[in-house]
Amino acid sequence: MTEIDYEKLAEIELQKDEAADTQAGQEGLFVPPTPGDPELNVNHPYYDVARHGIIQLAGDDSSGRKVITFSCCRMPPSHQLNHTRLLEYLKYTLDQYVENDYTVVYFHYGLKSLNKPSLKWLQTAYKEFDRNHKFGKKITYLNYLSDLGEHLKYDQLNIPQEVIRHDENLRRKQKGKLPPVVKVPPPRPPLPTQQFGVSLQYIKDKNKGELIPPVMKETVSYLKSKGLQVEGLFRRSASIQIIKDVQKLYNQGKSVNFDDYHDIHIPAVILKTFLRELPQPLLTFECYDHILGITSVESCLRVTRCKQIIQGLPDHNYVVLKYLICFLHMVSQESIYNRMTASSLACVFGLNLVWPSKGTASLSALVPLNLFTELLIDFYTNIFTARTVPGEVLP
């Protein structure tokens, strides 16, 4: 099939997706953007709630899942906020992100200072979500912001100043003074066998010039042989402790037999974790702004634009990306069994392939990031055929 045929197919498919997105938007079935996002305007179905910034996307937890914050301190007087609308907004946001293996965090602040209707609404909402099995089993209650460090990348969170001051007051009352500052020891040099948290170049140098990192090759090989038809592949979570144990084995250069764990989702999570812990994203920081611009490109030209961006990657990044996308393309071809279409996979992998050099991606950035990733997967054959690198391998 010629490139022109692929472009036409891309245009047709994207037009279908855009029509579906438009319909979903009319029904309100999507996560509303946060204040400051260009998509937030008076025509937005949740504008009356979203404009207050009560619910926001804010960083990652220790497993790389995105964090949704609910800032009680931003709740306005009851006459400025429809609590029924807020509950709808909250329920749908939670449903979307929890189902997609996301984390939800509430920042409790100054409940006594809230007006009675807002306080009563919050108490009712907490009870309802606590009773709900799907959400209740995922809730962790913490007393102080410092406790978040065990679960989240604390420095990435956009915590309101009111919350910080309230937390300091709570700790003063509890202990009489602020806890002493804990000195963080200097980072240890990586092991020669390190796989997680080091650059692709480091792994290559320590593995006799192999371009594909061992952890990626082994997880992809295992999933290809035993996981292609598993429903919800890459959408399910796994035991955090087991994931840490497997990471430790890889970093120590020890062998890992995924059959021993009897859980196909463990190698899937390990693959996502590896990508997420790279010091620089696989698609590089330099490509981030270019990728965000994909939605401003005409539908019929988007595949060509994807190809142009990919061609600008360093050789090593290009080879590893090609290896990964080739595999994800295989997964999408089995979507009748695993329910993981290119769109579903893009939602999972988009933010694991690229993120901004400073701060975290906003909700509005998810649309172009996921669209770009979806195009890579759907049109893998077309996008990655124009360039080959010596030593590259495919799954």
Protein backbone atom coordinates (compact mmCIF):
# COMPACT_ATOMS: atom_id res chain seq x y z
CA MET A 1 0.00 0.00 0.00
CA THR A 2 1.35 3.42 -0.88
CA GLU A 3 1.95 6.29 1.50
CA ILE A 4 -0.93 8.22 -0.06
CA ASP A 5 -3.26 5.36 0.79
CA TYR A 6 -2.10 5.48 4.39
CA GLU A 7 -2.70 9.21 4.53
CA LYS A 8 -6.24 8.76 3.27
CA LEU A 9 -6.87 6.02 5.79
CA ALA A 10 -5.47 8.24 8.54
CA GLU A 11 -7.77 11.07 7.56
CA ILE A 12 -10.83 8.83 7.54
CA GLU A 13 -10.04 7.30 10.92
CA LEU A 14 -9.23 10.63 12.55
CA GLN A 15 -12.42 12.18 11.24
CA LYS A 16 -14.32 9.34 12.86
CA ASP A 17 -12.48 9.90 16.13
CA GLU A 18 -13.10 13.64 16.03
CA ALA A 19 -16.81 13.07 15.41
CA ALA A 20 -16.93 10.70 18.38
CA ASP A 21 -15.08 13.23 20.54
CA THR A 22 -17.51 15.95 19.54
CA GLN A 23 -20.48 13.77 20.44
CA ALA A 24 -18.87 12.86 23.77
CA GLY A 25 -18.24 16.51 24.46
CA GLN A 26 -21.87 17.36 23.83
CA GLU A 27 -22.88 14.70 26.33
CA GLY A 28 -20.31 15.85 28.88
CA LEU A 29 -18.61 12.45 28.87
CA PHE A 30 -15.04 13.59 29.27
CA VAL A 31 -12.81 15.00 31.97
CA PRO A 32 -13.18 18.80 32.13
CA PRO A 33 -10.00 20.87 31.80
CA THR A 34 -8.55 22.90 34.66
CA PRO A 35 -8.34 26.71 34.92
CA GLY A 36 -5.87 28.20 32.49
CA ASP A 37 -6.42 25.51 29.87
CA PRO A 38 -7.45 26.96 26.50
CA GLU A 39 -10.35 24.51 26.29
CA LEU A 40 -12.00 26.01 29.38
CA ASN A 41 -14.58 28.57 28.28
CA VAL A 42 -18.19 29.45 28.98
CA ASN A 43 -19.37 26.91 26.41
CA HIS A 44 -17.79 24.06 28.32
CA PRO A 45 -20.42 21.74 29.89
CA TYR A 46 -18.63 21.86 33.27
CA TYR A 47 -17.43 25.45 33.14
CA ASP A 48 -19.39 26.45 36.25
CA VAL A 49 -17.45 23.87 38.29
CA ALA A 50 -14.08 23.68 36.53
CA ARG A 51 -13.47 27.44 36.73
CA HIS A 52 -12.89 27.15 40.49
CA GLY A 53 -9.95 24.75 40.10
CA ILE A 54 -11.23 22.40 42.80
CA ILE A 55 -10.25 19.28 40.85
CA GLN A 56 -6.91 19.24 39.05
CA LEU A 57 -4.31 16.95 37.55
CA ALA A 58 -1.14 17.15 39.64
CA GLY A 59 1.91 14.92 39.20
CA ASP A 60 2.48 11.19 39.62
CA ASP A 61 2.40 8.73 42.48
CA SER A 62 5.27 6.34 43.25
CA SER A 63 3.96 3.92 40.61
CA GLY A 64 3.74 6.57 37.92
CA ARG A 65 -0.04 6.86 37.96
CA LYS A 66 -1.44 10.35 37.50
CA VAL A 67 -2.78 12.10 40.57
CA ILE A 68 -6.10 13.95 40.76
CA THR A 69 -6.32 16.50 43.58
CA PHE A 70 -9.49 17.75 45.23
CA SER A 71 -8.74 21.01 47.03
CA CYS A 72 -11.45 21.73 49.55
CA CYS A 73 -9.95 25.14 50.22
CA ARG A 74 -10.98 26.21 46.72
CA MET A 75 -14.66 25.53 47.23
CA PRO A 76 -16.50 28.86 46.94
CA PRO A 77 -19.58 29.92 48.93
CA SER A 78 -22.56 27.67 48.26
CA HIS A 79 -24.39 30.28 46.22
CA GLN A 80 -21.50 30.23 43.72
CA LEU A 81 -21.35 26.45 43.37
CA ASN A 82 -23.96 23.88 42.39
CA HIS A 83 -23.09 20.93 44.62
CA THR A 84 -25.07 18.49 42.48
CA ARG A 85 -23.00 19.53 39.48
CA LEU A 86 -19.80 19.21 41.48
CA LEU A 87 -20.77 15.66 42.47
CA GLU A 88 -21.41 14.75 38.83
CA TYR A 89 -18.08 16.29 37.85
CA LEU A 90 -16.27 14.45 40.63
CA LYS A 91 -17.93 11.10 40.00
CA TYR A 92 -17.15 11.09 36.32
CA THR A 93 -13.57 12.25 36.85
CA LEU A 94 -13.00 9.53 39.43
CA ASP A 95 -14.64 6.91 37.25
CA GLN A 96 -12.47 7.78 34.25
CA TYR A 97 -9.18 7.95 36.09
CA VAL A 98 -9.64 5.11 38.55
CA GLU A 99 -10.71 2.82 35.73
CA ASN A 100 -7.56 3.82 33.86
CA ASP A 101 -5.32 2.89 36.80
CA TYR A 102 -5.04 6.45 38.06
CA THR A 103 -4.73 7.63 41.64
CA VAL A 104 -7.08 9.99 43.44
CA VAL A 105 -5.92 12.22 46.29
CA TYR A 106 -8.01 14.57 48.39
CA PHE A 107 -6.39 17.53 50.07
CA HIS A 108 -8.45 18.23 53.19
CA TYR A 109 -8.20 21.78 54.41
CA GLY A 110 -10.12 23.89 56.88
CA LEU A 111 -13.39 22.01 56.77
CA LYS A 112 -14.65 24.05 59.73
CA SER A 113 -14.18 27.22 57.72
CA LEU A 114 -16.45 25.96 54.94
CA ASN A 115 -20.07 27.01 54.81
CA LYS A 116 -22.50 24.42 56.14
CA PRO A 117 -23.92 23.34 52.74
CA SER A 118 -20.41 22.69 51.40
CA LEU A 119 -19.35 20.86 54.54
CA LYS A 120 -22.47 18.69 54.49
CA TRP A 121 -21.90 17.92 50.80
CA LEU A 122 -18.28 16.88 51.43
CA GLN A 123 -19.26 14.60 54.29
CA THR A 124 -21.92 12.95 52.12
CA ALA A 125 -19.51 12.58 49.19
CA TYR A 126 -16.81 10.97 51.36
CA LYS A 127 -19.27 8.46 52.79
CA GLU A 128 -20.62 7.59 49.36
CA PHE A 129 -17.21 7.00 47.83
CA ASP A 130 -16.02 5.11 50.88
CA ARG A 131 -19.00 2.75 50.59
CA ASN A 132 -18.46 2.27 46.87
CA HIS A 133 -16.37 -0.88 46.53
CA LYS A 134 -14.60 0.30 43.37
CA PHE A 135 -13.40 3.50 45.01
CA GLY A 136 -13.45 2.61 48.69
CA LYS A 137 -10.82 -0.11 48.38
CA LYS A 138 -8.48 2.39 46.72
CA ILE A 139 -8.73 5.11 49.39
CA THR A 140 -5.82 5.83 51.71
CA TYR A 141 -6.27 8.35 54.51
CA LEU A 142 -3.30 10.49 55.55
CA ASN A 143 -3.01 13.09 58.30
CA TYR A 144 -0.14 15.25 57.08
CA LEU A 145 1.37 16.34 53.78
CA SER A 146 4.67 14.75 54.76
CA ASP A 147 2.96 11.36 54.68
CA LEU A 148 2.37 11.81 50.94
CA GLY A 149 6.08 11.29 50.31
CA GLU A 150 5.61 7.54 50.72
CA HIS A 151 3.06 7.44 47.92
CA LEU A 152 3.68 10.37 45.57
CA LYS A 153 6.36 12.40 43.87
CA TYR A 154 5.67 15.14 46.37
CA ASP A 155 7.75 17.84 44.68
CA GLN A 156 5.56 17.64 41.55
CA LEU A 157 2.31 18.39 43.31
CA ASN A 158 0.71 21.78 42.92
CA ILE A 159 -0.37 22.18 46.54
CA PRO A 160 -2.33 25.34 47.41
CA GLN A 161 -0.60 27.63 49.90
CA GLU A 162 -3.65 27.40 52.15
CA VAL A 163 -3.10 23.65 52.43
CA ILE A 164 0.59 24.08 53.25
CA ARG A 165 -0.16 26.63 55.99
CA HIS A 166 -2.93 24.47 57.42
CA ASP A 167 -0.62 21.44 57.49
CA GLU A 168 2.05 23.44 59.34
CA ASN A 169 -0.51 24.54 61.92
CA LEU A 170 -1.67 20.97 62.43
CA ARG A 171 1.87 19.76 63.02
CA ARG A 172 2.60 22.60 65.43
CA LYS A 173 -0.45 21.74 67.48
CA GLN A 174 0.40 18.04 67.42
CA LYS A 175 4.08 18.27 68.35
CA GLY A 176 4.52 21.81 69.54
CA LYS A 177 7.01 22.57 66.79
CA LEU A 178 7.83 21.67 63.23
CA PRO A 179 9.77 18.43 62.74
CA PRO A 180 13.49 18.83 62.08
CA VAL A 181 14.65 18.94 58.50
CA VAL A 182 15.89 15.53 57.42
CA LYS A 183 19.10 15.62 55.46
CA VAL A 184 18.86 13.59 52.29
CA PRO A 185 21.98 11.50 51.60
CA PRO A 186 23.70 12.03 48.25
CA PRO A 187 22.49 9.71 45.49
CA ARG A 188 24.42 6.50 45.01
CA PRO A 189 26.05 5.79 41.66
CA PRO A 190 24.04 3.30 39.58
CA LEU A 191 25.02 -0.34 39.53
CA PRO A 192 26.70 -1.67 36.36
CA THR A 193 23.60 -3.83 35.89
CA GLN A 194 21.13 -1.00 36.57
CA GLN A 195 18.03 -0.98 34.35
CA PHE A 196 15.68 1.52 35.98
CA GLY A 197 16.34 5.22 36.37
CA VAL A 198 19.37 5.34 34.07
CA SER A 199 19.75 6.51 30.48
CA LEU A 200 19.47 4.35 27.39
CA GLN A 201 23.12 5.09 26.67
CA TYR A 202 24.16 3.82 30.10
CA ILE A 203 22.26 0.56 29.60
CA LYS A 204 23.74 0.17 26.13
CA ASP A 205 27.30 0.70 27.35
CA LYS A 206 26.85 -1.88 30.11
CA ASN A 207 25.25 -4.47 27.80
CA LYS A 208 27.85 -4.86 25.05
CA GLY A 209 26.27 -2.26 22.78
CA GLU A 210 22.80 -3.84 22.68
CA LEU A 211 20.34 -1.16 21.60
CA ILE A 212 17.22 -2.65 23.22
CA PRO A 213 17.43 -2.67 27.05
CA PRO A 214 17.21 -6.21 28.49
CA VAL A 215 14.17 -5.41 30.65
CA MET A 216 12.27 -4.16 27.61
CA LYS A 217 13.28 -7.12 25.45
CA GLU A 218 12.27 -9.64 28.13
CA THR A 219 8.93 -8.07 29.03
CA VAL A 220 7.94 -7.60 25.39
CA SER A 221 8.97 -11.16 24.53
CA TYR A 222 6.96 -12.58 27.43
CA LEU A 223 3.88 -10.48 26.71
CA LYS A 224 4.06 -11.31 23.01
CA SER A 225 4.05 -15.03 23.72
CA LYS A 226 1.50 -15.08 26.55
CA GLY A 227 -0.35 -11.79 26.83
CA LEU A 228 -1.55 -10.56 23.45
CA GLN A 229 -5.10 -11.78 24.01
CA VAL A 230 -5.37 -10.91 27.71
CA GLU A 231 -8.26 -8.51 28.26
CA GLY A 232 -7.19 -5.18 29.70
CA LEU A 233 -3.49 -5.70 29.07
CA PHE A 234 -1.61 -2.59 30.32
CA ARG A 235 -4.81 -1.31 31.95
CA ARG A 236 -4.56 -3.38 35.11
CA SER A 237 -2.34 -2.65 38.09
CA ALA A 238 -0.17 -5.11 40.02
CA SER A 239 1.22 -5.46 43.54
CA ILE A 240 3.50 -2.49 44.21
CA GLN A 241 5.75 -4.62 46.39
CA ILE A 242 6.15 -7.26 43.68
CA ILE A 243 6.96 -4.55 41.13
CA LYS A 244 9.65 -3.17 43.45
CA ASP A 245 11.06 -6.69 43.96
CA VAL A 246 11.23 -7.30 40.19
CA GLN A 247 12.90 -3.93 39.65
CA LYS A 248 15.48 -4.83 42.28
CA LEU A 249 16.23 -8.14 40.57
CA TYR A 250 16.75 -6.40 37.23
CA ASN A 251 18.93 -3.70 38.76
CA GLN A 252 21.09 -6.36 40.40
CA GLY A 253 21.50 -8.19 37.11
CA LYS A 254 19.60 -11.24 38.30
CA SER A 255 17.27 -13.29 36.09
CA VAL A 256 13.52 -12.80 36.27
CA ASN A 257 11.06 -15.56 35.46
CA PHE A 258 7.62 -14.02 35.11
CA ASP A 259 6.01 -17.47 35.24
CA ASP A 260 6.86 -17.52 38.95
CA TYR A 261 4.45 -14.63 39.64
CA HIS A 262 1.36 -16.06 37.90
CA ASP A 263 0.24 -12.57 36.89
CA ILE A 264 0.53 -11.41 33.27
CA HIS A 265 0.06 -7.80 34.37
CA ILE A 266 3.40 -7.73 36.23
CA PRO A 267 5.60 -7.67 33.08
CA ALA A 268 3.14 -5.13 31.59
CA VAL A 269 3.57 -2.81 34.58
CA ILE A 270 7.34 -3.36 34.57
CA LEU A 271 7.51 -2.23 30.94
CA LYS A 272 5.54 0.95 31.72
CA THR A 273 7.66 1.58 34.81
CA PHE A 274 10.88 1.27 32.84
CA LEU A 275 9.74 3.89 30.34
CA ARG A 276 8.49 6.18 33.08
CA GLU A 277 11.76 6.09 35.03
CA LEU A 278 14.02 7.04 32.13
CA PRO A 279 15.85 10.30 33.01
CA GLN A 280 14.69 11.71 29.68
CA PRO A 281 11.50 10.48 27.96
CA LEU A 282 11.87 8.16 25.02
CA LEU A 283 10.44 10.82 22.71
CA THR A 284 12.82 13.40 24.31
CA PHE A 285 12.05 16.76 25.90
CA GLU A 286 12.84 18.50 22.61
CA CYS A 287 9.90 16.82 20.88
CA TYR A 288 7.34 17.71 23.55
CA ASP A 289 6.17 21.04 22.10
CA HIS A 290 6.17 19.64 18.56
CA ILE A 291 3.93 16.78 19.69
CA LEU A 292 1.52 19.17 21.40
CA GLY A 293 1.07 20.89 18.04
CA ILE A 294 -0.28 17.77 16.34
CA THR A 295 -3.91 18.82 16.92
CA SER A 296 -3.36 22.04 14.97
CA VAL A 297 -2.27 20.05 11.90
CA GLU A 298 -4.90 19.13 9.32
CA SER A 299 -6.14 15.59 9.75
CA CYS A 300 -4.86 14.47 6.35
CA LEU A 301 -1.33 15.63 7.21
CA ARG A 302 -0.99 14.32 10.74
CA VAL A 303 0.65 11.00 9.89
CA THR A 304 3.24 12.85 7.79
CA ARG A 305 3.84 15.26 10.68
CA CYS A 306 4.31 12.31 13.07
CA LYS A 307 6.87 10.87 10.71
CA GLN A 308 8.75 14.18 10.58
CA ILE A 309 8.91 14.40 14.37
CA ILE A 310 10.06 10.79 14.70
CA GLN A 311 12.77 11.28 12.08
CA GLY A 312 14.30 13.94 14.32
CA LEU A 313 14.92 11.52 17.18
CA PRO A 314 18.46 10.33 18.04
CA ASP A 315 19.22 6.91 16.55
CA HIS A 316 19.06 5.08 19.85
CA ASN A 317 15.72 6.60 20.87
CA TYR A 318 14.34 5.90 17.41
CA VAL A 319 15.29 2.20 17.55
CA VAL A 320 13.83 1.66 21.03
CA LEU A 321 10.66 3.55 20.13
CA LYS A 322 10.27 1.54 16.92
CA TYR A 323 10.69 -1.70 18.88
CA LEU A 324 8.05 -0.65 21.40
CA ILE A 325 5.51 0.69 18.89
CA CYS A 326 5.90 -2.43 16.74
CA PHE A 327 4.87 -4.47 19.76
CA LEU A 328 1.99 -2.15 20.68
CA HIS A 329 0.79 -2.40 17.09
CA MET A 330 0.68 -6.19 17.56
CA VAL A 331 -1.33 -5.73 20.75
CA SER A 332 -3.82 -3.46 18.97
CA GLN A 333 -4.28 -6.07 16.24
CA GLU A 334 -5.66 -8.42 18.90
CA SER A 335 -8.08 -5.84 20.32
CA ILE A 336 -11.07 -8.09 19.59
CA TYR A 337 -9.74 -10.22 22.46
CA ASN A 338 -7.77 -7.85 24.69
CA ARG A 339 -10.02 -4.78 24.22
CA MET A 340 -6.88 -2.66 23.81
CA THR A 341 -7.28 -0.61 20.66
CA ALA A 342 -4.66 1.87 19.52
CA SER A 343 -6.67 4.56 21.28
CA SER A 344 -6.74 2.60 24.55
CA LEU A 345 -3.01 1.90 24.38
CA ALA A 346 -2.34 5.56 23.64
CA CYS A 347 -4.15 6.58 26.83
CA VAL A 348 -1.87 4.26 28.79
CA PHE A 349 1.44 5.00 27.06
CA GLY A 350 1.12 8.64 26.01
CA LEU A 351 2.57 10.13 29.19
CA ASN A 352 5.06 7.28 29.52
CA LEU A 353 6.67 8.25 26.21
CA VAL A 354 6.99 12.00 26.65
CA TRP A 355 6.55 14.63 29.36
CA PRO A 356 7.63 18.26 29.82
CA SER A 357 11.12 19.01 31.13
CA LYS A 358 9.62 21.08 33.96
CA GLY A 359 6.43 20.47 35.88
CA THR A 360 3.76 18.05 34.74
CA ALA A 361 1.52 17.81 31.72
CA SER A 362 -1.84 19.54 32.02
CA LEU A 363 -5.14 17.87 31.23
CA SER A 364 -5.29 19.77 27.94
CA ALA A 365 -1.92 18.26 26.94
CA LEU A 366 -3.31 14.73 27.19
CA VAL A 367 -5.36 15.14 24.02
CA PRO A 368 -2.42 15.82 21.64
CA LEU A 369 -0.10 13.41 23.48
CA ASN A 370 -2.59 10.56 23.22
CA LEU A 371 -3.48 11.43 19.63
CA PHE A 372 0.20 11.39 18.63
CA THR A 373 0.74 8.02 20.32
CA GLU A 374 -2.39 6.59 18.73
CA LEU A 375 -1.15 7.61 15.28
CA LEU A 376 2.22 5.95 15.93
CA ILE A 377 0.49 2.70 16.82
CA ASP A 378 -2.18 2.73 14.13
CA PHE A 379 0.18 3.73 11.30
CA TYR A 380 3.33 2.07 12.55
CA THR A 381 4.20 0.53 9.18
CA ASN A 382 4.00 3.85 7.38
CA ILE A 383 5.71 6.02 10.01
CA PHE A 384 8.71 3.78 10.73
CA THR A 385 9.60 2.45 7.27
CA ALA A 386 11.65 5.41 6.04
CA ARG A 387 14.55 4.95 8.44
CA THR A 388 16.68 2.04 9.58
CA VAL A 389 19.54 1.98 12.07
CA PRO A 390 22.32 -0.63 12.09
CA GLY A 391 21.80 -3.19 14.85
CA GLU A 392 18.08 -2.59 15.32
CA VAL A 393 15.81 -5.54 16.09
CA LEU A 394 12.05 -5.95 16.21
CA PRO A 395 9.91 -8.12 18.49
